[in-house]
N, C-alpha and C. Protein backbone atom coordinates (compact mmCIF):
# COMPACT_ATOMS: atom_id res chain seq x y z
N MET A 1 5.80 23.25 15.62
CA MET A 1 6.13 24.08 16.75
C MET A 1 4.89 24.95 17.10
N GLN A 2 4.12 25.25 16.08
CA GLN A 2 2.91 26.06 16.39
C GLN A 2 2.01 25.45 17.44
N ASP A 3 1.86 24.11 17.35
CA ASP A 3 0.93 23.42 18.24
C ASP A 3 1.33 23.58 19.75
N VAL A 4 2.59 23.77 20.01
CA VAL A 4 3.09 23.85 21.43
C VAL A 4 3.53 25.22 21.74
N GLY A 5 3.21 26.27 20.96
CA GLY A 5 3.54 27.65 21.31
C GLY A 5 4.95 28.06 21.09
N LEU A 6 5.65 27.37 20.23
CA LEU A 6 7.10 27.66 19.95
C LEU A 6 7.35 28.21 18.60
N SER A 7 6.35 28.62 17.93
CA SER A 7 6.51 29.21 16.63
C SER A 7 7.31 30.47 16.84
N GLY A 8 8.43 30.63 15.97
CA GLY A 8 9.21 31.84 16.03
C GLY A 8 10.22 31.88 17.16
N LYS A 9 10.35 30.83 18.02
CA LYS A 9 11.28 30.80 19.07
C LYS A 9 12.64 30.42 18.52
N ASP A 10 13.67 30.75 19.23
CA ASP A 10 15.06 30.48 18.79
C ASP A 10 15.39 29.02 18.93
N ASP A 11 16.41 28.60 18.28
CA ASP A 11 16.83 27.16 18.29
C ASP A 11 17.11 26.62 19.67
N PRO A 12 17.90 27.34 20.50
CA PRO A 12 18.08 26.79 21.81
C PRO A 12 16.79 26.50 22.67
N THR A 13 15.86 27.29 22.46
CA THR A 13 14.55 27.20 23.18
C THR A 13 13.84 25.92 22.60
N ILE A 14 13.88 25.71 21.33
CA ILE A 14 13.26 24.58 20.73
C ILE A 14 13.95 23.31 21.12
N LEU A 15 15.24 23.29 21.16
CA LEU A 15 16.00 22.13 21.58
C LEU A 15 15.74 21.82 23.03
N GLU A 16 15.67 22.85 23.87
CA GLU A 16 15.38 22.60 25.32
C GLU A 16 13.96 21.96 25.46
N TRP A 17 12.97 22.48 24.71
CA TRP A 17 11.62 21.84 24.78
C TRP A 17 11.72 20.39 24.33
N ALA A 18 12.46 20.07 23.24
CA ALA A 18 12.55 18.71 22.77
C ALA A 18 13.19 17.82 23.80
N ALA A 19 14.21 18.35 24.52
CA ALA A 19 14.85 17.55 25.53
C ALA A 19 13.91 17.24 26.68
N GLN A 20 13.26 18.31 27.16
CA GLN A 20 12.30 18.12 28.24
C GLN A 20 11.18 17.13 27.92
N GLU A 21 10.71 17.21 26.68
CA GLU A 21 9.63 16.34 26.20
C GLU A 21 10.14 14.91 25.67
N GLU A 22 11.47 14.80 25.65
CA GLU A 22 12.06 13.52 25.15
C GLU A 22 11.64 13.29 23.74
N ARG A 23 11.70 14.36 22.94
CA ARG A 23 11.26 14.21 21.52
C ARG A 23 12.45 14.48 20.59
N ILE A 24 12.51 13.65 19.54
CA ILE A 24 13.48 13.86 18.47
C ILE A 24 12.97 14.93 17.61
N LEU A 25 13.78 15.93 17.30
CA LEU A 25 13.41 17.05 16.46
C LEU A 25 13.65 16.76 14.96
N LEU A 26 12.58 16.96 14.24
CA LEU A 26 12.63 16.84 12.76
C LEU A 26 12.57 18.25 12.13
N THR A 27 13.55 18.63 11.29
CA THR A 27 13.65 20.04 10.89
C THR A 27 14.17 20.18 9.55
N HIS A 28 13.88 21.25 8.93
CA HIS A 28 14.43 21.68 7.63
C HIS A 28 15.57 22.70 7.90
N ASP A 29 15.66 23.09 9.17
CA ASP A 29 16.72 24.20 9.48
C ASP A 29 18.11 23.62 9.54
N VAL A 30 18.70 23.43 8.37
CA VAL A 30 20.02 22.87 8.25
C VAL A 30 21.08 23.90 8.47
N SER A 31 20.74 25.20 8.59
CA SER A 31 21.80 26.18 8.66
C SER A 31 22.24 26.49 10.06
N THR A 32 21.35 26.36 11.07
CA THR A 32 21.78 26.74 12.43
C THR A 32 21.58 25.75 13.51
N ILE A 33 20.56 24.91 13.42
CA ILE A 33 20.18 24.04 14.57
C ILE A 33 21.30 23.04 14.95
N THR A 34 22.06 22.55 13.97
CA THR A 34 23.14 21.60 14.22
C THR A 34 24.09 22.13 15.26
N ARG A 35 24.53 23.41 15.11
CA ARG A 35 25.47 23.99 16.05
C ARG A 35 24.96 23.96 17.49
N TYR A 36 23.63 24.35 17.67
CA TYR A 36 23.08 24.36 19.02
C TYR A 36 22.84 23.03 19.53
N ALA A 37 22.53 22.07 18.65
CA ALA A 37 22.30 20.66 19.09
C ALA A 37 23.72 20.10 19.62
N TYR A 38 24.78 20.36 18.94
CA TYR A 38 26.08 19.82 19.36
C TYR A 38 26.59 20.65 20.57
N ASP A 39 26.19 21.88 20.66
CA ASP A 39 26.48 22.66 21.98
C ASP A 39 25.90 21.95 23.18
N ARG A 40 24.64 21.53 22.99
CA ARG A 40 24.04 20.81 24.10
C ARG A 40 24.74 19.55 24.55
N VAL A 41 25.15 18.79 23.49
CA VAL A 41 25.95 17.60 23.75
C VAL A 41 27.24 17.85 24.48
N ARG A 42 27.92 18.92 23.90
CA ARG A 42 29.28 19.27 24.51
C ARG A 42 29.15 19.76 25.94
N LEU A 43 28.01 20.37 26.27
CA LEU A 43 27.79 20.86 27.63
C LEU A 43 27.19 19.79 28.56
N GLY A 44 26.99 18.57 27.98
CA GLY A 44 26.45 17.47 28.83
C GLY A 44 24.97 17.64 29.03
N GLN A 45 24.26 18.40 28.23
CA GLN A 45 22.80 18.52 28.27
C GLN A 45 22.14 17.43 27.47
N THR A 46 20.87 17.16 27.84
CA THR A 46 20.14 16.16 27.09
C THR A 46 19.87 16.70 25.69
N MET A 47 20.06 15.81 24.72
CA MET A 47 19.68 16.13 23.31
C MET A 47 19.21 14.85 22.64
N PRO A 48 17.89 14.61 22.70
CA PRO A 48 17.33 13.32 22.18
C PRO A 48 17.62 13.02 20.75
N GLY A 49 18.02 14.02 19.96
CA GLY A 49 18.34 13.70 18.57
C GLY A 49 17.70 14.70 17.61
N VAL A 50 18.37 14.95 16.52
CA VAL A 50 17.85 15.82 15.51
C VAL A 50 17.88 15.14 14.19
N ILE A 51 16.83 15.21 13.43
CA ILE A 51 16.83 14.75 12.03
C ILE A 51 16.64 15.93 11.15
N GLU A 52 17.66 16.24 10.34
CA GLU A 52 17.64 17.35 9.42
C GLU A 52 17.29 16.82 8.06
N VAL A 53 16.22 17.41 7.51
CA VAL A 53 15.72 17.03 6.12
C VAL A 53 16.07 18.17 5.24
N SER A 54 16.75 17.73 4.15
CA SER A 54 17.02 18.77 3.07
C SER A 54 15.65 19.33 2.53
N PRO A 55 15.59 20.65 2.44
CA PRO A 55 14.35 21.31 2.01
C PRO A 55 13.95 20.89 0.57
N ASP A 56 14.88 20.46 -0.25
CA ASP A 56 14.54 20.06 -1.65
C ASP A 56 14.48 18.61 -1.82
N ALA A 57 14.47 17.83 -0.68
CA ALA A 57 14.36 16.39 -0.79
C ALA A 57 13.01 15.91 -1.24
N ALA A 58 12.94 14.79 -1.98
CA ALA A 58 11.70 14.23 -2.37
C ALA A 58 10.95 13.71 -1.15
N VAL A 59 9.71 14.10 -1.00
CA VAL A 59 8.94 13.78 0.22
C VAL A 59 8.84 12.25 0.32
N GLY A 60 8.60 11.48 -0.66
CA GLY A 60 8.45 10.04 -0.58
C GLY A 60 9.78 9.40 -0.11
N ARG A 61 10.82 9.90 -0.57
CA ARG A 61 12.18 9.34 -0.16
C ARG A 61 12.42 9.63 1.32
N VAL A 62 12.11 10.83 1.78
CA VAL A 62 12.29 11.21 3.18
C VAL A 62 11.37 10.34 4.07
N ILE A 63 10.15 10.13 3.70
CA ILE A 63 9.28 9.32 4.45
C ILE A 63 9.78 7.87 4.64
N GLU A 64 10.30 7.31 3.54
CA GLU A 64 10.92 6.00 3.56
C GLU A 64 12.14 5.99 4.51
N ASP A 65 12.96 7.00 4.43
CA ASP A 65 14.14 7.01 5.32
C ASP A 65 13.78 7.11 6.80
N ILE A 66 12.73 7.97 7.12
CA ILE A 66 12.27 8.08 8.47
C ILE A 66 11.71 6.78 8.97
N LEU A 67 10.92 6.10 8.13
CA LEU A 67 10.34 4.76 8.54
C LEU A 67 11.46 3.75 8.82
N VAL A 68 12.56 3.77 8.02
CA VAL A 68 13.65 2.83 8.24
C VAL A 68 14.36 3.22 9.56
N LEU A 69 14.58 4.54 9.74
CA LEU A 69 15.24 5.04 10.95
C LEU A 69 14.47 4.61 12.18
N VAL A 70 13.16 4.78 12.07
CA VAL A 70 12.30 4.48 13.31
C VAL A 70 12.25 3.01 13.55
N GLU A 71 12.11 2.18 12.48
CA GLU A 71 12.08 0.73 12.65
C GLU A 71 13.34 0.08 13.16
N CYS A 72 14.45 0.73 12.72
CA CYS A 72 15.75 0.11 13.04
C CYS A 72 16.44 0.68 14.25
N SER A 73 15.85 1.69 14.86
CA SER A 73 16.42 2.33 16.05
C SER A 73 15.78 1.88 17.33
N GLN A 74 16.50 1.76 18.42
CA GLN A 74 15.94 1.45 19.69
C GLN A 74 15.73 2.79 20.44
N ASP A 75 14.88 2.73 21.48
CA ASP A 75 14.67 3.96 22.29
C ASP A 75 16.00 4.49 22.81
N GLY A 76 16.18 5.83 22.56
CA GLY A 76 17.31 6.56 23.04
C GLY A 76 18.56 6.39 22.13
N GLU A 77 18.44 5.63 21.03
CA GLU A 77 19.61 5.40 20.17
C GLU A 77 20.11 6.65 19.49
N LEU A 78 19.13 7.60 19.25
CA LEU A 78 19.52 8.88 18.50
C LEU A 78 20.06 9.95 19.49
N GLU A 79 20.02 9.66 20.76
CA GLU A 79 20.50 10.61 21.75
C GLU A 79 21.85 11.14 21.41
N GLY A 80 21.95 12.55 21.33
CA GLY A 80 23.24 13.21 21.04
C GLY A 80 23.65 13.16 19.55
N GLN A 81 22.72 12.72 18.69
CA GLN A 81 23.09 12.59 17.33
C GLN A 81 22.27 13.53 16.38
N VAL A 82 22.89 13.88 15.27
CA VAL A 82 22.19 14.61 14.20
C VAL A 82 22.24 13.72 12.98
N GLN A 83 21.06 13.39 12.47
CA GLN A 83 20.95 12.55 11.25
C GLN A 83 20.50 13.46 10.09
N TYR A 84 21.00 13.20 8.90
CA TYR A 84 20.65 13.97 7.76
C TYR A 84 19.93 13.10 6.78
N LEU A 85 18.75 13.59 6.30
CA LEU A 85 17.99 12.87 5.31
C LEU A 85 17.79 13.78 4.10
N PRO A 86 17.60 13.11 2.95
CA PRO A 86 17.66 11.74 2.68
C PRO A 86 19.11 11.27 2.85
N TRP A 87 19.23 9.96 2.94
CA TRP A 87 20.59 9.31 3.03
C TRP A 87 21.17 9.25 1.71
């Protein structure tokens, strides 16, 4: 988020940016972002997807799961979804 000037911004702002940029959000913020992501879906707003990664997950396992998710998903398939890694 630092690269695009969103460091320290609140979750709704980050989700809005992700929606405008058509980007899936990868985060360790498992405590709050899910609620805001599903709020966007409930309100009919664009939500390209969120991938929540457990902060204590093994990096290698998470990378493998992300690669599987990317390889097995079609464009837009994660729209409105929250995925939790590792599986």
